[in-house]
Amino acid sequence: MDNNKPEPTFADGFIFKRPNEGAPDFVKGALSIKVDEAIAFLQKHNSGGWVNLDLKNSQGGKLYLQLNDWKPKPKDNEQPPVAAPAPAGGTFTPAPVAQQVPAGEQPLAPEDAPF
């Protein structure tokens, strides 16, 4: 392995499987989570409330999840970003996200979603 690259960190407790034969096209795979291992992994690698995982394909063709620990390097005279504190006592309401629809297609209504 390249000496400049750190060893990959595999996501303990997470298994991604390809869809079963005959599954509908909108099914892209299945994620199995072993709760105790996943919680320990997430707590260990928590960064400001987030853990980023990359879905990768091994040389043998097996899918796996790997920790993405990339962080931008601060520029000179710039402090690294600090995670925003959680709201005190209130509930978090996410901002609405605009649905991106390719040109010539109609937006998908929630009642038409296949799940």
Protein backbone atom coordinates (compact mmCIF):
# COMPACT_ATOMS: atom_id res chain seq x y z
CA MET A 1 0.00 0.00 0.00
CA ASP A 2 1.14 3.58 -0.66
CA ASN A 3 3.02 4.85 2.39
CA ASN A 4 1.42 8.29 2.01
CA LYS A 5 -2.11 6.94 2.44
CA PRO A 6 -3.40 5.84 5.83
CA GLU A 7 -4.90 2.39 6.19
CA PRO A 8 -8.64 2.39 5.38
CA THR A 9 -11.05 2.26 8.29
CA PHE A 10 -13.91 -0.11 7.56
CA ALA A 11 -17.30 0.74 9.05
CA ASP A 12 -17.81 -1.81 11.83
CA GLY A 13 -21.40 -2.98 12.17
CA PHE A 14 -22.54 -1.96 8.68
CA ILE A 15 -23.05 -4.34 5.75
CA PHE A 16 -24.28 -3.16 2.35
CA LYS A 17 -25.75 -5.81 0.05
CA ARG A 18 -26.69 -5.60 -3.59
CA PRO A 19 -30.42 -5.96 -4.31
CA ASN A 20 -31.89 -9.43 -4.67
CA GLU A 21 -32.38 -10.75 -8.18
CA GLY A 22 -35.75 -9.61 -9.44
CA ALA A 23 -35.89 -6.56 -7.15
CA PRO A 24 -37.48 -3.44 -8.69
CA ASP A 25 -35.12 -0.94 -10.37
CA PHE A 26 -35.64 1.61 -7.60
CA VAL A 27 -34.10 -0.78 -5.04
CA LYS A 28 -30.35 -0.09 -5.08
CA GLY A 29 -29.34 -2.34 -2.20
CA ALA A 30 -29.87 -3.19 1.45
CA LEU A 31 -28.04 -1.93 4.52
CA SER A 32 -27.78 -4.26 7.51
CA ILE A 33 -26.71 -2.72 10.80
CA LYS A 34 -25.38 -4.63 13.80
CA VAL A 35 -26.48 -2.13 16.43
CA ASP A 36 -23.83 -2.60 19.16
CA GLU A 37 -20.91 -2.53 16.71
CA ALA A 38 -22.36 0.35 14.69
CA ILE A 39 -23.00 2.52 17.76
CA ALA A 40 -19.45 1.94 19.03
CA PHE A 41 -18.05 2.79 15.58
CA LEU A 42 -20.18 5.93 15.27
CA GLN A 43 -19.24 7.15 18.75
CA LYS A 44 -15.54 6.54 18.11
CA HIS A 45 -15.52 8.41 14.78
CA ASN A 46 -18.03 11.17 15.62
CA SER A 47 -16.90 14.52 14.26
CA GLY A 48 -19.25 17.34 15.19
CA GLY A 49 -22.22 14.99 15.19
CA TRP A 50 -21.41 13.44 11.81
CA VAL A 51 -19.73 10.29 10.50
CA ASN A 52 -19.18 10.12 6.75
CA LEU A 53 -19.01 6.74 5.04
CA ASP A 54 -18.11 5.91 1.44
CA LEU A 55 -19.75 2.96 -0.32
CA LYS A 56 -16.96 1.23 -2.25
CA ASN A 57 -16.49 -1.78 -4.47
CA SER A 58 -13.67 -4.19 -3.56
CA GLN A 59 -11.37 -5.70 -6.18
CA GLY A 60 -13.36 -8.91 -5.70
CA GLY A 61 -16.62 -7.10 -6.48
CA LYS A 62 -17.98 -6.97 -2.91
CA LEU A 63 -19.51 -3.72 -1.68
CA TYR A 64 -18.30 -2.28 1.62
CA LEU A 65 -18.50 0.91 3.67
CA GLN A 66 -15.34 2.81 4.58
CA LEU A 67 -14.90 5.79 6.90
CA ASN A 68 -14.41 9.03 4.99
CA ASP A 69 -12.29 11.10 7.35
CA TRP A 70 -11.32 13.81 4.87
CA LYS A 71 -11.24 17.28 6.37
CA PRO A 72 -10.36 20.48 4.50
CA LYS A 73 -7.02 21.94 5.46
CA PRO A 74 -7.41 25.38 7.03
CA LYS A 75 -5.85 28.19 5.03
CA ASP A 76 -3.26 30.42 6.63
CA ASN A 77 -4.81 32.59 9.37
CA GLU A 78 -8.03 30.59 9.21
CA GLN A 79 -9.45 28.65 12.12
CA PRO A 80 -10.88 25.17 11.45
CA PRO A 81 -14.69 25.06 11.32
CA VAL A 82 -16.50 24.49 14.60
CA ALA A 83 -19.70 22.47 14.77
CA ALA A 84 -22.79 24.52 15.59
CA PRO A 85 -24.32 23.74 18.98
CA ALA A 86 -27.56 21.78 19.06
CA PRO A 87 -30.69 23.84 19.67
CA ALA A 88 -31.43 24.16 23.38
CA GLY A 89 -34.63 22.42 24.40
CA GLY A 90 -36.29 22.80 21.01
CA THR A 91 -36.77 20.47 18.14
CA PHE A 92 -34.82 20.76 14.94
CA THR A 93 -36.87 21.58 11.86
CA PRO A 94 -34.90 21.19 8.64
CA ALA A 95 -35.33 23.75 5.91
CA PRO A 96 -37.34 22.53 2.92
CA VAL A 97 -35.22 21.16 0.09
CA ALA A 98 -36.11 22.01 -3.48
CA GLN A 99 -36.70 18.92 -5.60
CA GLN A 100 -34.37 18.85 -8.60
CA VAL A 101 -36.14 17.51 -11.67
CA PRO A 102 -34.41 16.87 -15.01
CA ALA A 103 -35.65 19.04 -17.89
CA GLY A 104 -38.81 17.69 -19.48
CA GLU A 105 -39.86 15.58 -16.48
CA GLN A 106 -42.55 16.17 -13.89
CA PRO A 107 -41.68 16.37 -10.17
CA LEU A 108 -42.52 13.28 -8.11
CA ALA A 109 -45.45 13.80 -5.77
CA PRO A 110 -44.98 12.25 -2.30
CA GLU A 111 -47.95 9.94 -2.83
CA ASP A 112 -46.29 8.57 -6.01
CA ALA A 113 -43.06 7.53 -4.25
CA PRO A 114 -42.44 3.79 -4.46
CA PHE A 115 -41.98 3.46 -0.69
